[in-house]
Amino acid sequence: MRFFFDEKIIQSRLSKVDDYTDIYATVTALVWTTKPQALSDQDSQMYDGQVGQTYQIFTDLDLDINENDRLRDTFSAEYKVHTVSRVDYGVYPYKKIIIIKEKC
């Protein structure tokens, strides 16, 4: 996996077109300054991800990202946002995001 250090990431979100059609529309292009961390084998299985394909990212609370969003880097690797949770350790709250690699 390539690291997201200062890399442009395309974020897509499922949007409703009409009563029968949903598409993934680009929400924003982000510049990530964080490094995804691979999860252990046990944690990957807990999130229904494949071993070696599941990562966690820690970001600021103001980042607008939801579960089931798609992230695509400049090398066309695509990730699904599985879980977004708020972690609060006193003075420094942050978001913990679990992503699963879907395709290259």
Protein backbone atom coordinates (compact mmCIF):
# COMPACT_ATOMS: atom_id res chain seq x y z
CA MET A 1 0.00 0.00 0.00
CA ARG A 2 1.19 3.44 -0.80
CA PHE A 3 1.09 5.95 2.01
CA PHE A 4 -1.20 8.96 1.84
CA PHE A 5 1.45 11.52 2.84
CA ASP A 6 0.47 14.72 1.04
CA GLU A 7 -1.34 12.71 -1.59
CA LYS A 8 -4.53 13.74 -3.32
CA ILE A 9 -7.40 11.42 -2.37
CA ILE A 10 -10.77 11.41 -4.16
CA GLN A 11 -13.70 10.87 -1.78
CA SER A 12 -16.98 9.55 -3.23
CA ARG A 13 -20.32 9.19 -1.50
CA LEU A 14 -23.40 7.21 -2.51
CA SER A 15 -26.01 9.61 -3.87
CA LYS A 16 -29.57 9.00 -4.98
CA VAL A 17 -30.33 9.91 -8.60
CA ASP A 18 -33.95 8.79 -8.69
CA ASP A 19 -36.17 6.19 -7.04
CA TYR A 20 -34.25 3.28 -8.55
CA THR A 21 -30.72 4.52 -9.14
CA ASP A 22 -27.89 5.24 -6.73
CA ILE A 23 -24.41 6.32 -7.86
CA TYR A 24 -21.15 7.20 -6.17
CA ALA A 25 -20.58 10.91 -6.74
CA THR A 26 -17.33 12.68 -5.94
CA VAL A 27 -17.71 14.66 -2.75
CA THR A 28 -14.31 16.24 -2.52
CA ALA A 29 -10.65 15.87 -3.29
CA LEU A 30 -8.68 15.69 -0.06
CA VAL A 31 -5.01 16.07 0.61
CA TRP A 32 -4.09 13.52 3.27
CA THR A 33 -1.19 14.12 5.58
CA THR A 34 -1.58 10.91 7.50
CA LYS A 35 -0.24 7.39 7.20
CA PRO A 36 -2.70 4.47 7.21
CA GLN A 37 -1.70 1.75 9.63
CA ALA A 38 -2.29 -1.91 8.82
CA LEU A 39 -4.46 -3.75 11.32
CA SER A 40 -3.44 -7.02 12.91
CA ASP A 41 -4.88 -10.25 11.52
CA GLN A 42 -7.37 -10.53 14.39
CA ASP A 43 -8.56 -6.93 14.03
CA SER A 44 -8.93 -7.34 10.25
CA GLN A 45 -11.26 -10.27 10.79
CA MET A 46 -13.23 -8.31 13.38
CA TYR A 47 -14.03 -5.67 10.73
CA ASP A 48 -14.79 -8.32 8.04
CA GLY A 49 -11.74 -7.26 6.07
CA GLN A 50 -9.10 -9.35 4.39
CA VAL A 51 -5.82 -9.84 6.17
CA GLY A 52 -3.33 -7.31 4.84
CA GLN A 53 -6.04 -5.20 3.19
CA THR A 54 -7.54 -3.46 6.24
CA TYR A 55 -6.10 -0.19 7.56
CA GLN A 56 -6.85 2.46 10.16
CA ILE A 57 -6.46 6.22 9.82
CA PHE A 58 -6.53 8.83 12.58
CA THR A 59 -7.80 12.29 11.59
CA ASP A 60 -9.21 15.50 13.01
CA LEU A 61 -12.87 15.61 14.01
CA ASP A 62 -13.78 18.19 11.36
CA LEU A 63 -13.12 15.83 8.43
CA ASP A 64 -16.45 15.09 6.73
CA ILE A 65 -16.26 11.36 6.09
CA ASN A 66 -18.98 8.73 6.55
CA GLU A 67 -19.24 4.97 6.56
CA ASN A 68 -19.53 3.45 3.06
CA ASP A 69 -17.71 6.36 1.43
CA ARG A 70 -15.11 5.40 -1.13
CA LEU A 71 -11.55 6.71 -1.19
CA ARG A 72 -9.39 6.53 -4.31
CA ASP A 73 -5.75 7.56 -4.45
CA THR A 74 -3.84 8.84 -7.47
CA PHE A 75 -2.71 5.29 -8.30
CA SER A 76 -6.36 4.09 -8.63
CA ALA A 77 -6.32 2.01 -5.47
CA GLU A 78 -9.83 2.10 -4.04
CA TYR A 79 -10.81 1.78 -0.38
CA LYS A 80 -14.19 1.49 1.33
CA VAL A 81 -14.71 3.32 4.60
CA HIS A 82 -15.96 0.61 6.93
CA THR A 83 -16.13 2.35 10.32
CA VAL A 84 -15.85 5.95 11.52
CA SER A 85 -15.66 6.41 15.28
CA ARG A 86 -14.85 9.26 17.60
CA VAL A 87 -12.12 8.57 20.11
CA ASP A 88 -11.74 10.91 23.05
CA TYR A 89 -8.69 10.73 25.26
CA GLY A 90 -9.20 13.95 27.16
CA VAL A 91 -7.59 16.95 25.51
CA TYR A 92 -7.10 15.45 22.03
CA PRO A 93 -10.25 13.93 20.51
CA TYR A 94 -9.91 12.47 17.00
CA LYS A 95 -11.63 10.22 14.46
CA LYS A 96 -10.56 6.64 13.93
CA ILE A 97 -11.40 5.47 10.41
CA ILE A 98 -11.22 1.83 9.32
CA ILE A 99 -10.74 1.39 5.56
CA ILE A 100 -10.70 -1.80 3.50
CA LYS A 101 -8.87 -2.01 0.20
CA GLU A 102 -11.21 -3.08 -2.56
CA LYS A 103 -9.25 -2.96 -5.82
CA CYS A 104 -6.15 -1.56 -7.47
